[in-house]
Amino acid sequence: MTKTTTRPLAELQADFVRVGALLKQAREDAETLRRLSMAEAQAETLAAELDAIKRQMDRAFADEDKAKEDAFIAGIKDVRITEGDQRDNLIRRTFTVAVTRTGNDGLRDWETTAEKTGLTSLKPEEYAWLLRHPERIPASILALADDPRTAFQTYFGGKKRGYFRGA
């Protein structure tokens, strides 16, 4: 007769539960490992997608800002600036500003031109229009800086102080 050695049932049941729990944990760890091994590639994909969304948002914000500015300067057809006596220094020089506006009152189209003296008389929308049309800004103002906005800021700052720095 063959003798079979068997472990007690209670011990086998305990081992069964223990090994089953270890197997479950090993499978969870394997799933975590699989997910983590894909994480780097997924992070790169998500970063590229996020960057594309950011670029789209930047374009949308720029488009929205342009639309607001378009509405802000709507009705301005032209702004012409003429310089006074160029023998005067830039602080004392006079500028004449002619602003042509167009519109429609529901019955007809109209166009008016208003003339004023001094660049400080520019309304914000006229200033914004000029920044879009730097060819209308006098060369003596544009010479103050590399871009029109900074050139105006330099002019207004110098006018307020009574002198231009470095000039």
N, C-alpha and C. Protein backbone atom coordinates (compact mmCIF):
# COMPACT_ATOMS: atom_id res chain seq x y z
N MET A 1 0.80 -1.16 0.00
CA MET A 1 0.00 0.00 0.00
C MET A 1 0.86 1.25 0.00
N THR A 2 0.37 2.25 -0.72
CA THR A 2 1.10 3.51 -0.82
C THR A 2 0.61 4.45 0.26
N LYS A 3 1.61 5.04 0.87
CA LYS A 3 1.28 5.94 1.95
C LYS A 3 1.29 7.36 1.39
N THR A 4 0.23 8.12 1.55
CA THR A 4 0.12 9.51 1.10
C THR A 4 0.21 10.40 2.31
N THR A 5 1.08 11.41 2.15
CA THR A 5 1.19 12.36 3.25
C THR A 5 0.41 13.60 2.85
N THR A 6 -0.55 13.93 3.59
CA THR A 6 -1.34 15.12 3.33
C THR A 6 -1.26 16.02 4.54
N ARG A 7 -1.31 17.27 4.22
CA ARG A 7 -1.29 18.26 5.29
C ARG A 7 -2.70 18.42 5.79
N PRO A 8 -2.84 18.88 6.96
CA PRO A 8 -4.18 19.06 7.50
C PRO A 8 -4.95 20.07 6.67
N LEU A 9 -6.23 19.85 6.57
CA LEU A 9 -7.12 20.69 5.76
C LEU A 9 -7.07 22.15 6.20
N ALA A 10 -7.03 22.41 7.43
CA ALA A 10 -7.00 23.80 7.94
C ALA A 10 -5.74 24.51 7.46
N GLU A 11 -4.62 23.80 7.45
CA GLU A 11 -3.36 24.38 6.98
C GLU A 11 -3.44 24.66 5.48
N LEU A 12 -4.00 23.74 4.72
CA LEU A 12 -4.16 23.93 3.28
C LEU A 12 -5.08 25.12 2.97
N GLN A 13 -6.16 25.21 3.74
CA GLN A 13 -7.08 26.34 3.54
C GLN A 13 -6.38 27.68 3.84
N ALA A 14 -5.60 27.71 4.87
CA ALA A 14 -4.87 28.94 5.22
C ALA A 14 -3.88 29.29 4.12
N ASP A 15 -3.15 28.30 3.61
CA ASP A 15 -2.22 28.55 2.50
C ASP A 15 -2.95 29.00 1.24
N PHE A 16 -4.09 28.38 1.00
CA PHE A 16 -4.90 28.76 -0.16
C PHE A 16 -5.28 30.24 -0.09
N VAL A 17 -5.74 30.69 1.07
CA VAL A 17 -6.14 32.10 1.25
C VAL A 17 -4.91 33.00 1.12
N ARG A 18 -3.78 32.60 1.75
CA ARG A 18 -2.56 33.40 1.71
C ARG A 18 -2.03 33.54 0.28
N VAL A 19 -1.93 32.45 -0.44
CA VAL A 19 -1.41 32.48 -1.81
C VAL A 19 -2.39 33.22 -2.73
N GLY A 20 -3.67 33.04 -2.50
CA GLY A 20 -4.67 33.77 -3.29
C GLY A 20 -4.52 35.28 -3.10
N ALA A 21 -4.29 35.71 -1.86
CA ALA A 21 -4.10 37.14 -1.58
C ALA A 21 -2.82 37.65 -2.24
N LEU A 22 -1.76 36.83 -2.17
CA LEU A 22 -0.50 37.22 -2.82
C LEU A 22 -0.66 37.31 -4.33
N LEU A 23 -1.40 36.37 -4.91
CA LEU A 23 -1.67 36.39 -6.35
C LEU A 23 -2.45 37.65 -6.74
N LYS A 24 -3.46 37.98 -5.94
CA LYS A 24 -4.25 39.19 -6.21
C LYS A 24 -3.35 40.43 -6.16
N GLN A 25 -2.49 40.52 -5.15
CA GLN A 25 -1.58 41.66 -5.02
C GLN A 25 -0.60 41.69 -6.19
N ALA A 26 -0.09 40.54 -6.60
CA ALA A 26 0.85 40.46 -7.72
C ALA A 26 0.18 40.94 -9.01
N ARG A 27 -1.07 40.54 -9.21
CA ARG A 27 -1.79 40.99 -10.42
C ARG A 27 -2.01 42.51 -10.39
N GLU A 28 -2.36 43.05 -9.21
CA GLU A 28 -2.52 44.51 -9.08
C GLU A 28 -1.20 45.22 -9.34
N ASP A 29 -0.11 44.64 -8.80
CA ASP A 29 1.22 45.23 -9.03
C ASP A 29 1.59 45.18 -10.52
N ALA A 30 1.27 44.07 -11.17
CA ALA A 30 1.55 43.94 -12.60
C ALA A 30 0.77 44.99 -13.40
N GLU A 31 -0.48 45.21 -13.02
CA GLU A 31 -1.29 46.24 -13.70
C GLU A 31 -0.70 47.63 -13.45
N THR A 32 -0.28 47.89 -12.21
CA THR A 32 0.35 49.17 -11.90
C THR A 32 1.63 49.34 -12.72
N LEU A 33 2.43 48.30 -12.79
CA LEU A 33 3.67 48.33 -13.57
C LEU A 33 3.37 48.59 -15.05
N ARG A 34 2.35 47.91 -15.58
CA ARG A 34 1.98 48.14 -16.99
C ARG A 34 1.59 49.59 -17.20
N ARG A 35 0.77 50.12 -16.27
CA ARG A 35 0.31 51.51 -16.40
C ARG A 35 1.49 52.48 -16.27
N LEU A 36 2.38 52.20 -15.32
CA LEU A 36 3.53 53.08 -15.13
C LEU A 36 4.51 53.01 -16.29
N SER A 37 4.63 51.84 -16.91
CA SER A 37 5.55 51.72 -18.05
C SER A 37 5.04 52.54 -19.25
N MET A 38 3.75 52.78 -19.30
CA MET A 38 3.17 53.58 -20.38
C MET A 38 3.10 55.07 -20.00
N ALA A 39 3.38 55.38 -18.75
CA ALA A 39 3.18 56.75 -18.25
C ALA A 39 4.06 57.77 -18.96
N GLU A 40 5.30 57.45 -19.22
CA GLU A 40 6.20 58.41 -19.87
C GLU A 40 5.70 58.79 -21.26
N ALA A 41 5.34 57.80 -22.04
CA ALA A 41 4.82 58.07 -23.39
C ALA A 41 3.50 58.84 -23.31
N GLN A 42 2.67 58.45 -22.35
CA GLN A 42 1.38 59.14 -22.20
C GLN A 42 1.61 60.59 -21.75
N ALA A 43 2.59 60.81 -20.87
CA ALA A 43 2.89 62.16 -20.40
C ALA A 43 3.36 63.03 -21.57
N GLU A 44 4.19 62.48 -22.44
CA GLU A 44 4.65 63.23 -23.62
C GLU A 44 3.49 63.57 -24.54
N THR A 45 2.60 62.62 -24.75
CA THR A 45 1.42 62.85 -25.60
C THR A 45 0.53 63.93 -24.99
N LEU A 46 0.30 63.83 -23.69
CA LEU A 46 -0.55 64.82 -23.01
C LEU A 46 0.11 66.20 -23.01
N ALA A 47 1.43 66.26 -22.83
CA ALA A 47 2.13 67.54 -22.86
C ALA A 47 2.01 68.20 -24.23
N ALA A 48 2.14 67.41 -25.29
CA ALA A 48 1.98 67.94 -26.65
C ALA A 48 0.55 68.42 -26.87
N GLU A 49 -0.41 67.66 -26.39
CA GLU A 49 -1.81 68.05 -26.53
C GLU A 49 -2.10 69.33 -25.76
N LEU A 50 -1.55 69.42 -24.54
CA LEU A 50 -1.73 70.62 -23.72
C LEU A 50 -1.08 71.84 -24.39
N ASP A 51 0.09 71.64 -24.98
CA ASP A 51 0.77 72.73 -25.68
C ASP A 51 -0.06 73.20 -26.88
N ALA A 52 -0.64 72.27 -27.61
CA ALA A 52 -1.49 72.63 -28.76
C ALA A 52 -2.73 73.42 -28.29
N ILE A 53 -3.31 72.98 -27.19
CA ILE A 53 -4.48 73.70 -26.64
C ILE A 53 -4.07 75.10 -26.20
N LYS A 54 -2.90 75.23 -25.58
CA LYS A 54 -2.41 76.54 -25.14
C LYS A 54 -2.22 77.47 -26.34
N ARG A 55 -1.63 76.95 -27.41
CA ARG A 55 -1.46 77.77 -28.62
C ARG A 55 -2.81 78.21 -29.18
N GLN A 56 -3.79 77.30 -29.18
CA GLN A 56 -5.13 77.65 -29.66
C GLN A 56 -5.76 78.71 -28.76
N MET A 57 -5.56 78.58 -27.45
CA MET A 57 -6.10 79.58 -26.53
C MET A 57 -5.43 80.94 -26.75
N ASP A 58 -4.11 80.93 -26.96
CA ASP A 58 -3.40 82.19 -27.23
C ASP A 58 -3.95 82.86 -28.48
N ARG A 59 -4.18 82.05 -29.53
CA ARG A 59 -4.76 82.61 -30.76
C ARG A 59 -6.16 83.14 -30.50
N ALA A 60 -6.95 82.40 -29.73
CA ALA A 60 -8.32 82.83 -29.43
C ALA A 60 -8.31 84.13 -28.63
N PHE A 61 -7.41 84.24 -27.64
CA PHE A 61 -7.30 85.48 -26.88
C PHE A 61 -6.86 86.64 -27.77
N ALA A 62 -5.89 86.38 -28.66
CA ALA A 62 -5.42 87.42 -29.57
C ALA A 62 -6.55 87.86 -30.51
N ASP A 63 -7.30 86.88 -31.02
CA ASP A 63 -8.43 87.21 -31.90
C ASP A 63 -9.48 88.03 -31.15
N GLU A 64 -9.73 87.63 -29.91
CA GLU A 64 -10.72 88.35 -29.09
C GLU A 64 -10.25 89.78 -28.81
N ASP A 65 -8.95 89.92 -28.48
CA ASP A 65 -8.40 91.26 -28.24
C ASP A 65 -8.48 92.12 -29.49
N LYS A 66 -8.17 91.52 -30.64
CA LYS A 66 -8.23 92.27 -31.91
C LYS A 66 -9.67 92.69 -32.21
N ALA A 67 -10.62 91.80 -31.96
CA ALA A 67 -12.03 92.13 -32.19
C ALA A 67 -12.46 93.28 -31.28
N LYS A 68 -12.02 93.25 -30.02
CA LYS A 68 -12.35 94.34 -29.10
C LYS A 68 -11.73 95.64 -29.58
N GLU A 69 -10.46 95.57 -30.02
CA GLU A 69 -9.80 96.78 -30.51
C GLU A 69 -10.46 97.28 -31.80
N ASP A 70 -10.85 96.34 -32.67
CA ASP A 70 -11.56 96.73 -33.90
C ASP A 70 -12.83 97.50 -33.55
N ALA A 71 -13.56 97.00 -32.58
CA ALA A 71 -14.79 97.69 -32.16
C ALA A 71 -14.46 99.04 -31.52
N PHE A 72 -13.35 99.08 -30.77
CA PHE A 72 -12.94 100.30 -30.08
C PHE A 72 -12.58 101.41 -31.07
N ILE A 73 -11.90 101.04 -32.17
CA ILE A 73 -11.47 102.06 -33.12
C ILE A 73 -12.42 102.19 -34.33
N ALA A 74 -13.52 101.46 -34.28
CA ALA A 74 -14.48 101.52 -35.39
C ALA A 74 -14.93 102.96 -35.59
N GLY A 75 -15.07 103.34 -36.79
CA GLY A 75 -15.52 104.68 -37.09
C GLY A 75 -14.39 105.65 -37.39
N ILE A 76 -13.17 105.31 -37.03
CA ILE A 76 -12.04 106.18 -37.36
C ILE A 76 -11.54 105.78 -38.74
N LYS A 77 -11.62 106.73 -39.64
CA LYS A 77 -11.17 106.47 -41.00
C LYS A 77 -9.69 106.83 -41.15
N ASP A 78 -9.29 107.93 -40.52
CA ASP A 78 -7.92 108.39 -40.69
C ASP A 78 -7.54 109.31 -39.54
N VAL A 79 -6.26 109.30 -39.21
CA VAL A 79 -5.69 110.26 -38.27
C VAL A 79 -4.42 110.78 -38.92
N ARG A 80 -4.40 112.07 -39.13
CA ARG A 80 -3.22 112.70 -39.73
C ARG A 80 -2.61 113.67 -38.73
N ILE A 81 -1.30 113.55 -38.59
CA ILE A 81 -0.59 114.43 -37.67
C ILE A 81 0.41 115.24 -38.48
N THR A 82 0.34 116.55 -38.33
CA THR A 82 1.32 117.43 -38.99
C THR A 82 2.14 118.12 -37.91
N GLU A 83 3.43 118.24 -38.18
CA GLU A 83 4.33 118.87 -37.22
C GLU A 83 4.43 120.36 -37.50
N GLY A 84 4.56 121.08 -36.41
CA GLY A 84 4.80 122.52 -36.53
C GLY A 84 6.24 122.76 -36.93
N ASP A 85 6.75 123.90 -36.57
CA ASP A 85 8.10 124.33 -36.92
C ASP A 85 9.12 123.31 -36.39
N GLN A 86 9.82 122.68 -37.30
CA GLN A 86 10.76 121.64 -36.90
C GLN A 86 12.07 122.22 -36.35
N ARG A 87 12.18 123.54 -36.39
CA ARG A 87 13.35 124.16 -35.75
C ARG A 87 13.18 124.16 -34.24
N ASP A 88 11.94 124.08 -33.78
CA ASP A 88 11.69 123.96 -32.35
C ASP A 88 12.12 122.57 -31.89
N ASN A 89 12.58 122.49 -30.63
CA ASN A 89 12.91 121.16 -30.13
C ASN A 89 11.60 120.38 -29.95
N LEU A 90 11.75 119.10 -29.74
CA LEU A 90 10.57 118.21 -29.70
C LEU A 90 9.64 118.54 -28.54
N ILE A 91 10.16 119.08 -27.45
CA ILE A 91 9.32 119.46 -26.31
C ILE A 91 8.41 120.63 -26.69
N ARG A 92 8.94 121.59 -27.42
CA ARG A 92 8.17 122.80 -27.76
C ARG A 92 7.42 122.69 -29.08
N ARG A 93 7.73 121.68 -29.87
CA ARG A 93 7.12 121.54 -31.18
C ARG A 93 5.62 121.28 -31.06
N THR A 94 4.87 121.93 -31.93
CA THR A 94 3.42 121.71 -31.92
C THR A 94 3.05 120.66 -32.97
N PHE A 95 2.01 119.94 -32.66
CA PHE A 95 1.48 118.93 -33.58
C PHE A 95 -0.01 119.22 -33.76
N THR A 96 -0.45 119.16 -35.00
CA THR A 96 -1.87 119.31 -35.29
C THR A 96 -2.39 117.94 -35.69
N VAL A 97 -3.49 117.55 -35.06
CA VAL A 97 -4.07 116.23 -35.29
C VAL A 97 -5.42 116.41 -35.97
N ALA A 98 -5.58 115.77 -37.13
CA ALA A 98 -6.86 115.79 -37.85
C ALA A 98 -7.41 114.36 -37.83
N VAL A 99 -8.58 114.20 -37.22
CA VAL A 99 -9.19 112.88 -37.10
C VAL A 99 -10.44 112.84 -37.98
N THR A 100 -10.45 111.91 -38.91
CA THR A 100 -11.62 111.73 -39.78
C THR A 100 -12.37 110.49 -39.30
N ARG A 101 -13.64 110.71 -39.03
CA ARG A 101 -14.50 109.62 -38.56
C ARG A 101 -15.63 109.41 -39.58
N THR A 102 -16.07 108.17 -39.66
CA THR A 102 -17.20 107.85 -40.53
C THR A 102 -18.25 107.13 -39.69
N GLY A 103 -19.44 107.14 -40.19
CA GLY A 103 -20.51 106.46 -39.48
C GLY A 103 -21.78 106.45 -40.29
N ASN A 104 -22.81 105.95 -39.66
CA ASN A 104 -24.11 105.90 -40.30
C ASN A 104 -25.14 106.15 -39.20
N ASP A 105 -26.00 107.13 -39.45
CA ASP A 105 -27.01 107.47 -38.44
C ASP A 105 -28.35 106.78 -38.70
N GLY A 106 -28.33 105.80 -39.58
CA GLY A 106 -29.55 105.08 -39.90
C GLY A 106 -30.24 105.63 -41.15
N LEU A 107 -29.95 106.88 -41.46
CA LEU A 107 -30.53 107.49 -42.65
C LEU A 107 -29.49 107.66 -43.75
N ARG A 108 -28.27 107.95 -43.33
CA ARG A 108 -27.23 108.21 -44.34
C ARG A 108 -25.86 107.94 -43.73
N ASP A 109 -24.89 107.75 -44.62
CA ASP A 109 -23.49 107.65 -44.19
C ASP A 109 -22.96 109.05 -44.02
N TRP A 110 -22.09 109.25 -43.06
CA TRP A 110 -21.51 110.57 -42.85
C TRP A 110 -20.01 110.45 -42.59
N GLU A 111 -19.32 111.56 -42.77
CA GLU A 111 -17.89 111.63 -42.53
C GLU A 111 -17.59 113.02 -41.98
N THR A 112 -16.86 113.07 -40.88
CA THR A 112 -16.48 114.35 -40.30
C THR A 112 -14.98 114.34 -40.00
N THR A 113 -14.40 115.52 -40.04
CA THR A 113 -12.99 115.67 -39.67
C THR A 113 -12.91 116.73 -38.59
N ALA A 114 -12.28 116.35 -37.48
CA ALA A 114 -12.07 117.29 -36.38
C ALA A 114 -10.57 117.53 -36.26
N GLU A 115 -10.22 118.79 -36.01
CA GLU A 115 -8.81 119.14 -35.87
C GLU A 115 -8.55 119.59 -34.45
N LYS A 116 -7.45 119.16 -33.90
CA LYS A 116 -7.07 119.56 -32.55
C LYS A 116 -5.56 119.74 -32.50
N THR A 117 -5.09 120.36 -31.43
CA THR A 117 -3.67 120.65 -31.31
C THR A 117 -3.07 119.82 -30.19
N GLY A 118 -1.92 119.22 -30.48
CA GLY A 118 -1.16 118.48 -29.48
C GLY A 118 -1.48 117.00 -29.46
N LEU A 119 -0.43 116.22 -29.26
CA LEU A 119 -0.61 114.76 -29.20
C LEU A 119 -1.31 114.33 -27.91
N THR A 120 -1.25 115.18 -26.90
CA THR A 120 -1.96 114.83 -25.66
C THR A 120 -3.47 114.94 -25.83
N SER A 121 -3.91 115.53 -26.94
CA SER A 121 -5.34 115.63 -27.20
C SER A 121 -5.90 114.35 -27.83
N LEU A 122 -5.03 113.38 -28.12
CA LEU A 122 -5.49 112.13 -28.71
C LEU A 122 -6.39 111.37 -27.72
N LYS A 123 -7.50 110.90 -28.22
CA LYS A 123 -8.37 110.03 -27.42
C LYS A 123 -7.77 108.62 -27.46
N PRO A 124 -8.10 107.78 -26.48
CA PRO A 124 -7.53 106.42 -26.46
C PRO A 124 -7.74 105.64 -27.76
N GLU A 125 -8.92 105.76 -28.34
CA GLU A 125 -9.18 105.01 -29.58
C GLU A 125 -8.36 105.56 -30.76
N GLU A 126 -8.07 106.86 -30.74
CA GLU A 126 -7.24 107.44 -31.80
C GLU A 126 -5.80 106.99 -31.64
N TYR A 127 -5.35 106.94 -30.40
CA TYR A 127 -4.01 106.44 -30.10
C TYR A 127 -3.90 104.98 -30.55
N ALA A 128 -4.90 104.15 -30.24
CA ALA A 128 -4.90 102.74 -30.67
C ALA A 128 -4.88 102.65 -32.19
N TRP A 129 -5.62 103.51 -32.87
CA TRP A 129 -5.64 103.51 -34.34
C TRP A 129 -4.25 103.82 -34.87
N LEU A 130 -3.59 104.80 -34.26
CA LEU A 130 -2.24 105.17 -34.72
C LEU A 130 -1.24 104.03 -34.51
N LEU A 131 -1.38 103.30 -33.44
CA LEU A 131 -0.47 102.18 -33.21
C LEU A 131 -0.62 101.11 -34.29
N ARG A 132 -1.81 101.01 -34.86
CA ARG A 132 -2.03 100.09 -35.98
C ARG A 132 -1.56 100.67 -37.31
N HIS A 133 -1.39 101.98 -37.35
CA HIS A 133 -0.97 102.66 -38.58
C HIS A 133 0.25 103.53 -38.28
N PRO A 134 1.38 102.90 -37.95
CA PRO A 134 2.55 103.69 -37.54
C PRO A 134 3.08 104.63 -38.63
N GLU A 135 2.70 104.38 -39.86
CA GLU A 135 3.13 105.29 -40.94
C GLU A 135 2.53 106.67 -40.77
N ARG A 136 1.50 106.81 -39.96
CA ARG A 136 0.85 108.10 -39.69
C ARG A 136 1.49 108.84 -38.52
N ILE A 137 2.40 108.18 -37.81
CA ILE A 137 3.07 108.80 -36.67
C ILE A 137 4.28 109.58 -37.20
N PRO A 138 4.47 110.82 -36.77
CA PRO A 138 5.61 111.60 -37.26
C PRO A 138 6.95 110.90 -37.00
N ALA A 139 7.85 111.05 -37.94
CA ALA A 139 9.17 110.42 -37.84
C ALA A 139 9.91 110.88 -36.59
N SER A 140 9.70 112.13 -36.19
CA SER A 140 10.40 112.63 -35.00
C SER A 140 9.96 111.89 -33.73
N ILE A 141 8.74 111.40 -33.71
CA ILE A 141 8.25 110.62 -32.57
C ILE A 141 8.76 109.19 -32.68
N LEU A 142 8.65 108.61 -33.88
CA LEU A 142 9.10 107.23 -34.09
C LEU A 142 10.60 107.07 -33.82
N ALA A 143 11.37 108.14 -34.01
CA ALA A 143 12.82 108.07 -33.80
C ALA A 143 13.18 107.89 -32.33
N LEU A 144 12.22 108.08 -31.43
CA LEU A 144 12.50 107.99 -29.99
C LEU A 144 12.64 106.55 -29.49
N ALA A 145 12.14 105.59 -30.24
CA ALA A 145 12.21 104.19 -29.79
C ALA A 145 12.04 103.26 -30.98
N ASP A 146 12.24 101.96 -30.71
CA ASP A 146 12.17 100.96 -31.77
C ASP A 146 10.75 100.60 -32.19
N ASP A 147 9.77 100.81 -31.31
CA ASP A 147 8.40 100.48 -31.68
C ASP A 147 7.50 101.68 -31.37
N PRO A 148 6.38 101.80 -32.08
CA PRO A 148 5.53 102.98 -31.93
C PRO A 148 5.00 103.21 -30.51
N ARG A 149 4.60 102.16 -29.83
CA ARG A 149 4.05 102.31 -28.47
C ARG A 149 5.11 102.90 -27.53
N THR A 150 6.32 102.36 -27.58
CA THR A 150 7.41 102.85 -26.74
C THR A 150 7.80 104.27 -27.15
N ALA A 151 7.75 104.56 -28.44
CA ALA A 151 8.08 105.91 -28.90
C ALA A 151 7.09 106.93 -28.32
N PHE A 152 5.80 106.60 -28.35
CA PHE A 152 4.80 107.50 -27.75
C PHE A 152 5.03 107.64 -26.24
N GLN A 153 5.31 106.53 -25.57
CA GLN A 153 5.55 106.58 -24.13
C GLN A 153 6.75 107.47 -23.81
N THR A 154 7.80 107.34 -24.61
CA THR A 154 8.99 108.17 -24.42
C THR A 154 8.65 109.63 -24.66
N TYR A 155 7.88 109.91 -25.70
CA TYR A 155 7.49 111.30 -25.99
C TYR A 155 6.67 111.88 -24.84
N PHE A 156 5.62 111.16 -24.43
CA PHE A 156 4.76 111.69 -23.36
C PHE A 156 5.52 111.84 -22.04
N GLY A 157 6.42 110.89 -21.75
CA GLY A 157 7.24 110.99 -20.54
C GLY A 157 8.16 112.19 -20.58
N GLY A 158 8.80 112.41 -21.74
CA GLY A 158 9.70 113.55 -21.90
C GLY A 158 8.94 114.86 -21.86
N LYS A 159 7.77 114.88 -22.45
CA LYS A 159 6.93 116.08 -22.45
C LYS A 159 6.54 116.44 -21.02
N LYS A 160 6.20 115.44 -20.23
CA LYS A 160 5.79 115.65 -18.85
C LYS A 160 6.98 116.16 -17.99
N ARG A 161 8.16 115.54 -18.21
CA ARG A 161 9.35 115.94 -17.44
C ARG A 161 9.91 117.28 -17.91
N GLY A 162 9.72 117.56 -19.20
CA GLY A 162 10.30 118.77 -19.77
C GLY A 162 11.62 118.51 -20.46
N TYR A 163 12.02 117.27 -20.56
CA TYR A 163 13.25 116.89 -21.28
C TYR A 163 13.19 115.42 -21.61
N PHE A 164 14.02 115.04 -22.59
CA PHE A 164 14.12 113.63 -22.97
C PHE A 164 15.42 113.08 -22.44
N ARG A 165 15.36 111.93 -21.84
CA ARG A 165 16.57 111.30 -21.29
C ARG A 165 17.50 110.90 -22.42
N GLY A 166 18.76 111.17 -22.25
CA GLY A 166 19.76 110.76 -23.25
C GLY A 166 19.76 111.63 -24.48
N ALA A 167 18.96 112.69 -24.49
CA ALA A 167 18.92 113.56 -25.68
C ALA A 167 19.55 114.89 -25.36
